[in-house]
C-alpha atoms as a PDB file:
ATOM      1  CA  MET A   1      17.115 315.470 -39.935  1.00  0.00           C
ATOM      2  CA  SER A   2      16.344 314.642 -36.624  1.00  0.00           C
ATOM      3  CA  ASP A   3      13.221 312.628 -35.563  1.00  0.00           C
ATOM      4  CA  THR A   4      13.527 313.279 -31.871  1.00  0.00           C
ATOM      5  CA  PRO A   5      11.537 316.562 -32.070  1.00  0.00           C
ATOM      6  CA  TYR A   6       8.755 314.975 -34.466  1.00  0.00           C
ATOM      7  CA  LEU A   7       8.746 311.853 -31.938  1.00  0.00           C
ATOM      8  CA  GLN A   8       8.952 314.261 -28.737  1.00  0.00           C
ATOM      9  CA  ARG A   9       6.372 316.194 -30.160  1.00  0.00           C
ATOM     10  CA  THR A  10       3.868 312.953 -31.444  1.00  0.00           C
ATOM     11  CA  PHE A  11       4.215 310.614 -28.627  1.00  0.00           C
ATOM     12  CA  GLY A  12       6.123 312.453 -25.903  1.00  0.00           C
ATOM     13  CA  LEU A  13       4.186 312.862 -22.120  1.00  0.00           C
ATOM     14  CA  SER A  14       5.455 315.486 -20.612  1.00  0.00           C
ATOM     15  CA  ARG A  15       3.771 317.306 -18.305  1.00  0.00           C
ATOM     16  CA  ARG A  16       0.907 314.335 -17.991  1.00  0.00           C
ATOM     17  CA  THR A  17       0.430 312.344 -14.977  1.00  0.00           C
ATOM     18  CA  ALA A  18      -0.821 308.681 -15.222  1.00  0.00           C
ATOM     19  CA  LEU A  19      -2.247 306.411 -12.930  1.00  0.00           C
ATOM     20  CA  LEU A  20      -1.501 302.434 -14.424  1.00  0.00           C
ATOM     21  CA  THR A  21      -3.499 300.413 -11.630  1.00  0.00           C
ATOM     22  CA  GLY A  22      -2.371 296.720 -11.652  1.00  0.00           C
ATOM     23  CA  ALA A  23       1.354 298.006 -12.326  1.00  0.00           C
ATOM     24  CA  GLY A  24       3.219 295.772 -10.145  1.00  0.00           C
ATOM     25  CA  ARG A  25       4.119 293.439 -12.560  1.00  0.00           C
ATOM     26  CA  GLY A  26       3.161 292.001 -15.724  1.00  0.00           C
ATOM     27  CA  ILE A  27       1.775 294.073 -18.189  1.00  0.00           C
ATOM     28  CA  GLY A  28       0.859 296.722 -15.983  1.00  0.00           C
ATOM     29  CA  ARG A  29       4.388 297.354 -15.160  1.00  0.00           C
ATOM     30  CA  ALA A  30       5.805 297.409 -19.035  1.00  0.00           C
ATOM     31  CA  VAL A  31       3.547 300.343 -19.739  1.00  0.00           C
ATOM     32  CA  ALA A  32       3.868 302.370 -16.695  1.00  0.00           C
ATOM     33  CA  LEU A  33       7.513 302.163 -17.705  1.00  0.00           C
ATOM     34  CA  ALA A  34       6.405 303.072 -21.611  1.00  0.00           C
ATOM     35  CA  LEU A  35       4.695 305.900 -20.245  1.00  0.00           C
ATOM     36  CA  GLY A  36       7.651 307.220 -17.828  1.00  0.00           C
ATOM     37  CA  HIS A  37       9.855 307.141 -20.621  1.00  0.00           C
ATOM     38  CA  ALA A  38       8.011 309.404 -22.788  1.00  0.00           C
ATOM     39  CA  GLY A  39       8.070 311.703 -19.749  1.00  0.00           C
ATOM     40  CA  ALA A  40       4.966 311.443 -17.626  1.00  0.00           C
ATOM     41  CA  ARG A  41       4.466 311.479 -13.926  1.00  0.00           C
ATOM     42  CA  VAL A  42       3.106 307.900 -13.059  1.00  0.00           C
ATOM     43  CA  VAL A  43       1.535 306.511 -10.201  1.00  0.00           C
ATOM     44  CA  VAL A  44       1.655 303.280  -9.505  1.00  0.00           C
ATOM     45  CA  ASN A  45      -1.128 301.428  -8.522  1.00  0.00           C
ATOM     46  CA  ASP A  46      -1.437 297.832  -6.994  1.00  0.00           C
ATOM     47  CA  ARG A  47      -2.894 296.503  -3.704  1.00  0.00           C
ATOM     48  CA  ARG A  48       0.716 295.103  -2.501  1.00  0.00           C
ATOM     49  CA  PRO A  49       2.800 297.915  -1.566  1.00  0.00           C
ATOM     50  CA  GLU A  50       5.959 296.525  -2.215  1.00  0.00           C
ATOM     51  CA  ASP A  51       5.456 295.412  -5.866  1.00  0.00           C
ATOM     52  CA  CYS A  52       4.012 299.185  -6.145  1.00  0.00           C
ATOM     53  CA  GLU A  53       7.508 300.133  -5.012  1.00  0.00           C
ATOM     54  CA  GLU A  54       9.369 297.621  -7.356  1.00  0.00           C
ATOM     55  CA  THR A  55       7.933 299.529 -10.305  1.00  0.00           C
ATOM     56  CA  VAL A  56       8.553 303.065  -8.753  1.00  0.00           C
ATOM     57  CA  GLY A  57      11.955 301.804  -8.117  1.00  0.00           C
ATOM     58  CA  LEU A  58      12.517 300.838 -12.551  1.00  0.00           C
ATOM     59  CA  LEU A  59      11.029 303.905 -12.896  1.00  0.00           C
ATOM     60  CA  ARG A  60      13.131 306.404 -11.088  1.00  0.00           C
ATOM     61  CA  GLN A  61      15.894 304.358 -12.730  1.00  0.00           C
ATOM     62  CA  ALA A  62      14.924 305.547 -15.746  1.00  0.00           C
ATOM     63  CA  GLY A  63      14.741 309.236 -14.969  1.00  0.00           C
ATOM     64  CA  ALA A  64      10.884 309.085 -14.563  1.00  0.00           C
ATOM     65  CA  GLU A  65       9.085 310.858 -11.702  1.00  0.00           C
ATOM     66  CA  ALA A  66       7.175 308.398  -9.811  1.00  0.00           C
ATOM     67  CA  ARG A  67       5.370 307.613  -6.699  1.00  0.00           C
ATOM     68  CA  ALA A  68       3.367 304.610  -5.564  1.00  0.00           C
ATOM     69  CA  ALA A  69      -0.536 304.350  -4.937  1.00  0.00           C
ATOM     70  CA  ALA A  70      -1.438 300.827  -3.415  1.00  0.00           C
ATOM     71  CA  PHE A  71      -5.094 300.513  -3.031  1.00  0.00           C
ATOM     72  CA  ASP A  72      -7.674 297.685  -4.301  1.00  0.00           C
ATOM     73  CA  VAL A  73      -9.434 298.908  -7.148  1.00  0.00           C
ATOM     74  CA  SER A  74     -12.773 297.136  -6.060  1.00  0.00           C
ATOM     75  CA  ASP A  75     -12.770 299.423  -2.706  1.00  0.00           C
ATOM     76  CA  ARG A  76     -14.577 302.448  -4.074  1.00  0.00           C
ATOM     77  CA  ALA A  77     -14.009 304.384  -0.671  1.00  0.00           C
ATOM     78  CA  ALA A  78      -9.566 303.728  -1.058  1.00  0.00           C
ATOM     79  CA  VAL A  79     -10.081 304.970  -5.031  1.00  0.00           C
ATOM     80  CA  MET A  80     -11.719 308.157  -3.870  1.00  0.00           C
ATOM     81  CA  THR A  81      -9.267 308.817  -1.619  1.00  0.00           C
ATOM     82  CA  ALA A  82      -6.437 308.483  -3.523  1.00  0.00           C
ATOM     83  CA  GLN A  83      -8.049 310.602  -5.929  1.00  0.00           C
ATOM     84  CA  HIS A  84      -8.490 313.023  -3.128  1.00  0.00           C
ATOM     85  CA  GLN A  85      -4.769 312.566  -1.854  1.00  0.00           C
ATOM     86  CA  LEU A  86      -3.148 312.584  -5.688  1.00  0.00           C
ATOM     87  CA  ASP A  87      -5.033 316.393  -5.712  1.00  0.00           C
ATOM     88  CA  ALA A  88      -3.551 317.684  -2.826  1.00  0.00           C
ATOM     89  CA  ASP A  89      -0.594 316.548  -3.878  1.00  0.00           C
ATOM     90  CA  GLY A  90      -0.688 318.135  -7.034  1.00  0.00           C
ATOM     91  CA  TRP A  91      -0.602 314.795  -9.023  1.00  0.00           C
ATOM     92  CA  SER A  92      -3.796 315.232 -10.543  1.00  0.00           C
ATOM     93  CA  VAL A  93      -4.489 312.571 -13.193  1.00  0.00           C
ATOM     94  CA  ASP A  94      -4.318 312.797 -17.013  1.00  0.00           C
ATOM     95  CA  ILE A  95      -4.326 309.504 -17.961  1.00  0.00           C
ATOM     96  CA  LEU A  96      -6.063 306.513 -16.905  1.00  0.00           C
ATOM     97  CA  VAL A  97      -4.699 302.898 -17.554  1.00  0.00           C
ATOM     98  CA  SER A  98      -7.366 300.263 -15.654  1.00  0.00           C
ATOM     99  CA  ASN A  99      -5.389 297.182 -15.755  1.00  0.00           C
ATOM    100  CA  ALA A 100      -5.817 295.534 -12.512  1.00  0.00           C
ATOM    101  CA  GLY A 101      -7.527 292.086 -13.119  1.00  0.00           C
ATOM    102  CA  VAL A 102      -7.929 288.844 -11.686  1.00  0.00           C
ATOM    103  CA  GLN A 103      -8.516 285.130 -13.351  1.00  0.00           C
ATOM    104  CA  ASN A 104     -10.728 282.528 -12.098  1.00  0.00           C
ATOM    105  CA  ARG A 105     -10.879 279.276 -14.718  1.00  0.00           C
ATOM    106  CA  LYS A 106     -13.911 277.410 -13.878  1.00  0.00           C
ATOM    107  CA  PRO A 107     -16.412 275.895 -15.786  1.00  0.00           C
ATOM    108  CA  LEU A 108     -19.506 278.600 -16.068  1.00  0.00           C
ATOM    109  CA  LEU A 109     -22.139 276.053 -14.687  1.00  0.00           C
ATOM    110  CA  GLU A 110     -19.849 275.590 -11.500  1.00  0.00           C
ATOM    111  CA  MET A 111     -19.330 278.923 -10.674  1.00  0.00           C
ATOM    112  CA  ARG A 112     -20.578 280.170  -7.771  1.00  0.00           C
ATOM    113  CA  MET A 113     -22.162 283.804  -7.342  1.00  0.00           C
ATOM    114  CA  GLU A 114     -19.666 284.892  -5.107  1.00  0.00           C
ATOM    115  CA  GLU A 115     -16.491 284.070  -7.421  1.00  0.00           C
ATOM    116  CA  TRP A 116     -18.291 285.593 -10.810  1.00  0.00           C
ATOM    117  CA  GLN A 117     -18.504 288.566  -8.650  1.00  0.00           C
ATOM    118  CA  ALA A 118     -15.578 288.763  -7.136  1.00  0.00           C
ATOM    119  CA  LEU A 119     -14.263 288.636 -10.338  1.00  0.00           C
ATOM    120  CA  MET A 120     -16.358 291.624 -11.851  1.00  0.00           C
ATOM    121  CA  ASP A 121     -16.132 293.674  -8.898  1.00  0.00           C
ATOM    122  CA  VAL A 122     -11.931 293.990 -10.086  1.00  0.00           C
ATOM    123  CA  HIS A 123     -12.027 294.063 -13.998  1.00  0.00           C
ATOM    124  CA  VAL A 124     -15.231 296.144 -14.344  1.00  0.00           C
ATOM    125  CA  HIS A 125     -16.547 298.001 -10.912  1.00  0.00           C
ATOM    126  CA  GLY A 126     -12.631 298.754 -10.462  1.00  0.00           C
ATOM    127  CA  ALA A 127     -12.405 300.422 -13.838  1.00  0.00           C
ATOM    128  CA  LEU A 128     -15.872 302.344 -12.693  1.00  0.00           C
ATOM    129  CA  HIS A 129     -14.656 303.234  -9.653  1.00  0.00           C
ATOM    130  CA  CYS A 130     -11.276 304.365 -11.248  1.00  0.00           C
ATOM    131  CA  THR A 131     -13.154 306.498 -14.053  1.00  0.00           C
ATOM    132  CA  GLN A 132     -16.200 307.825 -11.588  1.00  0.00           C
ATOM    133  CA  ALA A 133     -12.933 309.513  -9.311  1.00  0.00           C
ATOM    134  CA  PHE A 134     -10.461 310.853 -11.542  1.00  0.00           C
ATOM    135  CA  LEU A 135     -12.646 311.467 -15.224  1.00  0.00           C
ATOM    136  CA  PRO A 136     -14.153 314.794 -13.384  1.00  0.00           C
ATOM    137  CA  GLY A 137     -10.961 315.767 -13.087  1.00  0.00           C
ATOM    138  CA  MET A 138      -9.974 315.189 -16.935  1.00  0.00           C
ATOM    139  CA  CYS A 139     -13.259 316.992 -18.296  1.00  0.00           C
ATOM    140  CA  SER A 140     -12.963 320.179 -16.426  1.00  0.00           C
ATOM    141  CA  ARG A 141      -8.963 320.441 -17.328  1.00  0.00           C
ATOM    142  CA  GLY A 142     -10.712 319.545 -20.573  1.00  0.00           C
ATOM    143  CA  PHE A 143      -8.110 317.018 -21.477  1.00  0.00           C
ATOM    144  CA  GLY A 144      -8.020 313.058 -20.559  1.00  0.00           C
ATOM    145  CA  ARG A 145      -6.931 309.715 -21.911  1.00  0.00           C
ATOM    146  CA  VAL A 146      -8.535 306.637 -20.474  1.00  0.00           C
ATOM    147  CA  VAL A 147      -7.542 303.321 -21.723  1.00  0.00           C
ATOM    148  CA  MET A 148      -9.350 300.037 -20.667  1.00  0.00           C
ATOM    149  CA  MET A 149      -7.111 296.593 -20.694  1.00  0.00           C
ATOM    150  CA  SER A 150      -9.636 294.668 -22.340  1.00  0.00           C
ATOM    151  CA  SER A 151      -8.605 291.326 -23.813  1.00  0.00           C
ATOM    152  CA  VAL A 152      -9.341 289.174 -27.286  1.00  0.00           C
ATOM    153  CA  SER A 153     -11.279 286.723 -24.879  1.00  0.00           C
ATOM    154  CA  ALA A 154     -13.837 289.810 -25.235  1.00  0.00           C
ATOM    155  CA  VAL A 155     -14.091 289.461 -28.554  1.00  0.00           C
ATOM    156  CA  ALA A 156     -13.471 285.418 -29.060  1.00  0.00           C
ATOM    157  CA  THR A 157     -13.571 282.765 -25.914  1.00  0.00           C
ATOM    158  CA  MET A 158     -12.635 279.741 -24.930  1.00  0.00           C
ATOM    159  CA  PRO A 159     -13.827 276.961 -21.677  1.00  0.00           C
ATOM    160  CA  LEU A 160     -13.752 277.856 -18.699  1.00  0.00           C
ATOM    161  CA  ILE A 161     -13.271 281.870 -18.823  1.00  0.00           C
ATOM    162  CA  ALA A 162     -16.711 282.733 -19.085  1.00  0.00           C
ATOM    163  CA  ALA A 163     -16.592 285.207 -16.326  1.00  0.00           C
ATOM    164  CA  TYR A 164     -13.250 286.446 -17.699  1.00  0.00           C
ATOM    165  CA  SER A 165     -14.794 286.925 -21.297  1.00  0.00           C
ATOM    166  CA  THR A 166     -17.468 288.816 -19.732  1.00  0.00           C
ATOM    167  CA  ALA A 167     -15.603 290.883 -17.807  1.00  0.00           C
ATOM    168  CA  LYS A 168     -13.552 292.315 -20.749  1.00  0.00           C
ATOM    169  CA  ALA A 169     -16.233 292.494 -23.041  1.00  0.00           C
ATOM    170  CA  SER A 170     -17.564 294.904 -20.222  1.00  0.00           C
ATOM    171  CA  LEU A 171     -14.423 297.144 -20.720  1.00  0.00           C
ATOM    172  CA  ALA A 172     -14.376 297.333 -23.918  1.00  0.00           C
ATOM    173  CA  ALA A 173     -18.318 298.500 -24.276  1.00  0.00           C
ATOM    174  CA  LEU A 174     -17.047 301.012 -21.245  1.00  0.00           C
ATOM    175  CA  ALA A 175     -14.682 302.662 -23.179  1.00  0.00           C
ATOM    176  CA  ARG A 176     -17.069 303.271 -26.055  1.00  0.00           C
ATOM    177  CA  ALA A 177     -19.460 305.202 -23.727  1.00  0.00           C
ATOM    178  CA  ILE A 178     -17.005 306.878 -22.118  1.00  0.00           C
ATOM    179  CA  ALA A 179     -15.930 308.286 -25.694  1.00  0.00           C
ATOM    180  CA  VAL A 180     -19.202 309.067 -26.697  1.00  0.00           C
ATOM    181  CA  GLU A 181     -20.474 310.804 -23.491  1.00  0.00           C
ATOM    182  CA  TYR A 182     -17.291 312.677 -22.710  1.00  0.00           C
ATOM    183  CA  GLY A 183     -15.246 313.310 -25.772  1.00  0.00           C
ATOM    184  CA  PRO A 184     -16.660 316.830 -25.855  1.00  0.00           C
ATOM    185  CA  TYR A 185     -15.278 317.477 -22.977  1.00  0.00           C
ATOM    186  CA  GLY A 186     -10.895 316.440 -24.423  1.00  0.00           C
ATOM    187  CA  VAL A 187     -10.857 313.405 -23.571  1.00  0.00           C
ATOM    188  CA  THR A 188     -10.366 309.714 -25.285  1.00  0.00           C
ATOM    189  CA  ALA A 189     -11.148 306.418 -24.574  1.00  0.00           C
ATOM    190  CA  ASN A 190     -10.264 303.033 -25.879  1.00  0.00           C
ATOM    191  CA  ALA A 191      -9.347 299.627 -25.412  1.00  0.00           C
ATOM    192  CA  VAL A 192      -6.716 297.432 -25.860  1.00  0.00           C
ATOM    193  CA  ALA A 193      -7.513 293.727 -26.365  1.00  0.00           C
ATOM    194  CA  PRO A 194      -4.072 291.431 -25.861  1.00  0.00           C
ATOM    195  CA  GLY A 195      -3.624 287.929 -26.901  1.00  0.00           C
ATOM    196  CA  PHE A 196      -1.627 285.180 -24.962  1.00  0.00           C
ATOM    197  CA  VAL A 197       0.674 287.346 -22.857  1.00  0.00           C
ATOM    198  CA  ARG A 198       3.858 285.441 -21.087  1.00  0.00           C
ATOM    199  CA  THR A 199       3.740 286.594 -18.035  1.00  0.00           C
ATOM    200  CA  ASP A 200       2.642 285.324 -14.045  1.00  0.00           C
ATOM    201  CA  PHE A 201      -0.823 285.934 -14.964  1.00  0.00           C
ATOM    202  CA  THR A 202      -1.206 283.034 -17.300  1.00  0.00           C
ATOM    203  CA  VAL A 203       0.926 280.355 -15.911  1.00  0.00           C
ATOM    204  CA  GLY A 204      -1.488 277.931 -16.147  1.00  0.00           C
ATOM    205  CA  LEU A 205      -1.673 278.354 -19.902  1.00  0.00           C
ATOM    206  CA  GLN A 206       1.885 277.925 -19.572  1.00  0.00           C
ATOM    207  CA  GLN A 207       1.960 275.355 -17.904  1.00  0.00           C
ATOM    208  CA  ARG A 208      -0.992 273.737 -19.512  1.00  0.00           C
ATOM    209  CA  GLU A 209      -0.337 270.396 -21.855  1.00  0.00           C
ATOM    210  CA  GLY A 210      -0.566 271.106 -25.567  1.00  0.00           C
ATOM    211  CA  PHE A 211      -1.230 274.574 -25.022  1.00  0.00           C
ATOM    212  CA  GLU A 212       2.290 275.599 -26.611  1.00  0.00           C
ATOM    213  CA  HIS A 213       1.388 273.891 -29.377  1.00  0.00           C
ATOM    214  CA  PHE A 214      -1.872 275.269 -29.800  1.00  0.00           C
ATOM    215  CA  LEU A 215      -0.534 278.567 -29.466  1.00  0.00           C
ATOM    216  CA  GLN A 216       2.019 277.701 -32.441  1.00  0.00           C
ATOM    217  CA  GLU A 217      -1.258 277.024 -34.253  1.00  0.00           C
ATOM    218  CA  ALA A 218      -3.609 279.807 -33.883  1.00  0.00           C
ATOM    219  CA  VAL A 219      -1.251 282.825 -33.476  1.00  0.00           C
ATOM    220  CA  PRO A 220       0.066 283.871 -37.024  1.00  0.00           C
ATOM    221  CA  CYS A 221       3.063 285.455 -35.596  1.00  0.00           C
ATOM    222  CA  ALA A 222       3.641 281.911 -33.834  1.00  0.00           C
ATOM    223  CA  ARG A 223       4.454 282.797 -30.262  1.00  0.00           C
ATOM    224  CA  TRP A 224       3.846 284.629 -27.093  1.00  0.00           C
ATOM    225  CA  ALA A 225       3.360 288.098 -26.683  1.00  0.00           C
ATOM    226  CA  VAL A 226       5.368 289.707 -24.127  1.00  0.00           C
ATOM    227  CA  PRO A 227       4.457 292.920 -21.687  1.00  0.00           C
ATOM    228  CA  GLU A 228       6.653 294.919 -24.186  1.00  0.00           C
ATOM    229  CA  ASP A 229       4.305 294.192 -27.342  1.00  0.00           C
ATOM    230  CA  ILE A 230       0.950 295.613 -25.617  1.00  0.00           C
ATOM    231  CA  ALA A 231       2.799 299.082 -23.905  1.00  0.00           C
ATOM    232  CA  PRO A 232       3.778 300.970 -26.991  1.00  0.00           C
ATOM    233  CA  ALA A 233       0.293 300.690 -28.209  1.00  0.00           C
ATOM    234  CA  VAL A 234      -0.850 302.117 -24.666  1.00  0.00           C
ATOM    235  CA  LEU A 235       1.517 304.853 -25.488  1.00  0.00           C
ATOM    236  CA  PHE A 236      -0.002 305.663 -28.833  1.00  0.00           C
ATOM    237  CA  LEU A 237      -3.209 305.818 -27.631  1.00  0.00           C
ATOM    238  CA  THR A 238      -2.465 308.172 -24.792  1.00  0.00           C
ATOM    239  CA  SER A 239      -0.073 310.566 -26.832  1.00  0.00           C
ATOM    240  CA  PRO A 240      -0.323 313.394 -29.023  1.00  0.00           C
ATOM    241  CA  GLY A 241      -0.437 311.501 -32.002  1.00  0.00           C
ATOM    242  CA  GLY A 242      -3.659 309.640 -30.800  1.00  0.00           C
ATOM    243  CA  SER A 243      -5.828 312.084 -30.110  1.00  0.00           C
ATOM    244  CA  PHE A 244      -8.029 311.327 -33.073  1.00  0.00           C
ATOM    245  CA  VAL A 245      -8.467 307.521 -31.741  1.00  0.00           C
ATOM    246  CA  ASN A 246     -11.865 307.369 -29.641  1.00  0.00           C
ATOM    247  CA  GLY A 247     -13.940 304.567 -28.337  1.00  0.00           C
ATOM    248  CA  GLN A 248     -11.862 301.581 -30.249  1.00  0.00           C
ATOM    249  CA  LEU A 249     -10.830 298.317 -29.160  1.00  0.00           C
ATOM    250  CA  LEU A 250      -7.723 297.412 -30.510  1.00  0.00           C
ATOM    251  CA  ALA A 251      -6.450 293.868 -30.749  1.00  0.00           C
ATOM    252  CA  ILE A 252      -2.864 292.805 -29.806  1.00  0.00           C
ATOM    253  CA  ASP A 253      -2.806 289.309 -30.723  1.00  0.00           C
ATOM    254  CA  GLY A 254      -0.372 288.346 -33.487  1.00  0.00           C
ATOM    255  CA  GLY A 255      -2.958 287.646 -36.033  1.00  0.00           C
ATOM    256  CA  MET A 256      -5.092 285.630 -33.838  1.00  0.00           C
ATOM    257  CA  LEU A 257      -8.353 286.953 -34.638  1.00  0.00           C
ATOM    258  CA  ALA A 258      -7.967 287.845 -38.379  1.00  0.00           C
ATOM    259  CA  ARG A 259      -7.323 283.851 -38.916  1.00  0.00           C
ATOM    260  CA  MET A 260     -10.393 281.623 -40.208  1.00  0.00           C
END
């Protein structure tokens, strides 16, 4: 008996269009490739057009239909312009994965207000801009999937990332709010909470003295995650198989939060 029809029916994304923010590299790129392999048309967003095009090239090599949409999610006007253009071109978004993010490791009492605001503008306001741009179309069509890229730091934090932790907790709360308010319209919203993932985003931690030992002790799986560890969970949440999962925060952390 072949499992292929079941897998396609349960996890396939044919006839769906997904927008991935911050998909020029790292976790965003891995998620874009996973959704493309599952049959979705993929809109690749990042601030740098060259990063978008590189991910688009990988998707097309894999046989997926893809296009770039370079804009800064913190720029509300740019997000709205992108939404209008995608709708006009027949690329109305069914699946939104808000992954764009920045980091600023700094003691809370030393962080200037403009630095705090800059981080919130990308993580929280960027996710809000994209939600307000693309959620109405999902509701009108009776189908939508929203995934916020939160973090284990939304639940348990460490020094120097107060702003980041606050932003990531806000994204988990935003996902719950969307789930409750727009579930009746055929929309689900969830957040995923990666642990320590080896990407360009975590180079500072990778180079920090003693951090490798800390990770070995703190994470029961005793290793860094890689972006490909995160992508399948996002695929599940956006697929037919995840259609009754709504308003949840899913930790993908190798067991770190489970440890006493």
